[in-house]
Protein backbone atom coordinates (compact mmCIF):
# COMPACT_ATOMS: atom_id res chain seq x y z
CA MET A 1 -45.63 34.79 5.02
CA THR A 2 -46.27 31.74 7.38
CA ASP A 3 -43.67 32.47 9.94
CA ARG A 4 -45.00 36.40 9.94
CA LEU A 5 -48.72 34.79 10.54
CA ARG A 6 -47.22 32.03 13.48
CA GLU A 7 -45.85 35.43 15.02
CA ILE A 8 -48.70 37.37 15.17
CA ILE A 9 -50.59 34.57 16.14
CA ARG A 10 -48.09 34.12 19.35
CA GLN A 11 -48.79 37.41 20.37
CA GLU A 12 -51.95 37.73 19.85
CA LYS A 13 -52.60 34.51 22.38
CA GLU A 14 -50.22 36.35 24.58
CA ARG A 15 -52.15 39.20 25.10
CA GLY A 16 -55.51 36.90 25.75
CA THR A 17 -56.82 37.66 22.19
CA LYS A 18 -59.79 35.09 21.71
CA VAL A 19 -60.70 35.69 17.76
CA LEU A 20 -58.04 36.64 15.19
CA LEU A 21 -59.54 37.17 11.98
CA VAL A 22 -57.14 37.36 8.83
CA GLU A 23 -58.52 38.80 5.95
CA GLY A 24 -57.29 38.18 2.55
CA ALA A 25 -58.65 36.09 -0.25
CA LEU A 26 -55.32 34.86 -1.68
CA LEU A 27 -54.42 33.48 1.77
CA ALA A 28 -56.96 30.50 1.62
CA SER A 29 -55.42 29.37 -1.99
CA SER A 30 -51.58 30.63 -1.37
CA PRO A 31 -49.15 27.56 -1.46
CA TYR A 32 -47.15 29.49 0.60
CA VAL A 33 -49.63 29.44 3.82
CA GLU A 34 -49.57 26.54 6.40
CA GLN A 35 -53.46 26.30 6.59
CA THR A 36 -53.05 24.59 9.99
CA LEU A 37 -52.63 27.84 11.41
CA PHE A 38 -56.55 28.76 11.20
CA ASP A 39 -59.21 27.10 13.15
CA GLY A 40 -61.63 27.59 9.78
CA ILE A 41 -61.51 29.46 6.38
CA LEU A 42 -64.58 31.51 5.93
CA TRP A 43 -64.79 31.61 1.69
CA LEU A 44 -67.74 34.10 1.04
CA GLU A 45 -69.73 33.14 -2.43
CA ALA A 46 -71.99 34.86 -4.60
CA ASP A 47 -73.27 34.94 -8.24
CA ARG A 48 -71.16 36.39 -10.70
CA SER A 49 -73.94 38.96 -11.46
CA VAL A 50 -73.74 40.32 -7.39
CA ARG A 51 -70.00 40.07 -7.43
CA ARG A 52 -70.15 42.56 -10.44
CA GLU A 53 -73.00 44.95 -9.03
CA ARG A 54 -71.03 45.31 -5.95
CA LEU A 55 -67.42 45.88 -7.63
CA ARG A 56 -69.21 48.34 -9.74
CA SER A 57 -70.78 50.21 -6.83
CA ASP A 58 -67.55 50.31 -5.40
CA GLY A 59 -65.60 52.25 -8.41
CA ARG A 60 -63.40 48.13 -8.68
CA GLU A 61 -65.12 47.09 -12.16
CA ASP A 62 -61.59 46.57 -13.10
CA GLN A 63 -61.91 43.35 -10.69
CA ILE A 64 -64.88 42.09 -11.93
CA GLU A 65 -63.12 39.41 -14.56
CA ARG A 66 -61.16 38.50 -11.09
CA THR A 67 -62.26 35.21 -9.37
CA LEU A 68 -60.63 32.72 -7.28
CA PRO A 69 -61.65 28.78 -7.20
CA PRO A 70 -62.56 27.83 -3.28
CA PRO A 71 -59.51 25.91 -1.66
CA GLU A 72 -60.17 22.17 -1.69
CA GLU A 73 -59.41 22.11 2.56
CA GLU A 74 -61.62 20.65 4.99
CA ARG A 75 -61.41 24.16 7.04
CA VAL A 76 -63.27 25.80 4.29
CA ILE A 77 -66.48 27.03 5.46
CA ARG A 78 -68.61 28.69 2.50
CA ILE A 79 -70.58 31.29 3.48
CA ASP A 80 -73.44 32.40 0.96
CA ALA A 81 -73.12 36.21 0.47
CA ALA A 82 -75.49 36.91 -1.88
CA GLY A 83 -78.04 38.18 0.00
CA PRO A 84 -78.06 41.85 1.76
CA VAL A 85 -74.26 42.66 3.36
CA ALA A 86 -76.13 42.99 6.69
CA GLN A 87 -77.10 39.43 6.74
CA THR A 88 -73.80 38.68 5.22
CA VAL A 89 -72.21 39.97 8.32
CA THR A 90 -74.69 38.11 10.94
CA GLU A 91 -74.01 35.06 9.06
CA VAL A 92 -69.97 35.72 9.22
CA GLN A 93 -70.58 36.82 12.76
CA LYS A 94 -72.44 33.60 13.54
CA THR A 95 -69.95 31.04 11.97
CA ILE A 96 -67.05 32.60 13.58
CA GLU A 97 -68.65 31.85 17.27
CA SER A 98 -69.34 28.49 16.25
CA LEU A 99 -65.46 27.68 15.79
């Protein structure tokens, strides 16, 4: 997986891409992904009750019990995602712009 990510990053740099987002909850905690490929790792956090309600409203109740501990990396930037989605989006955008 790291080789493929490295190739995508190279291609996007050649195209002039300024910001490349790689989405994947498991990427941040996977021992198979080289964390140094990323300028930052955004980790969205919300209380269990908030996560439960969001998953339920999205029809993904089967994932309520699934949790991952945040990775212990210096690149991890924790974002409070317990508020309204629009607020979380704004916080994520501001964080990306600061990288």
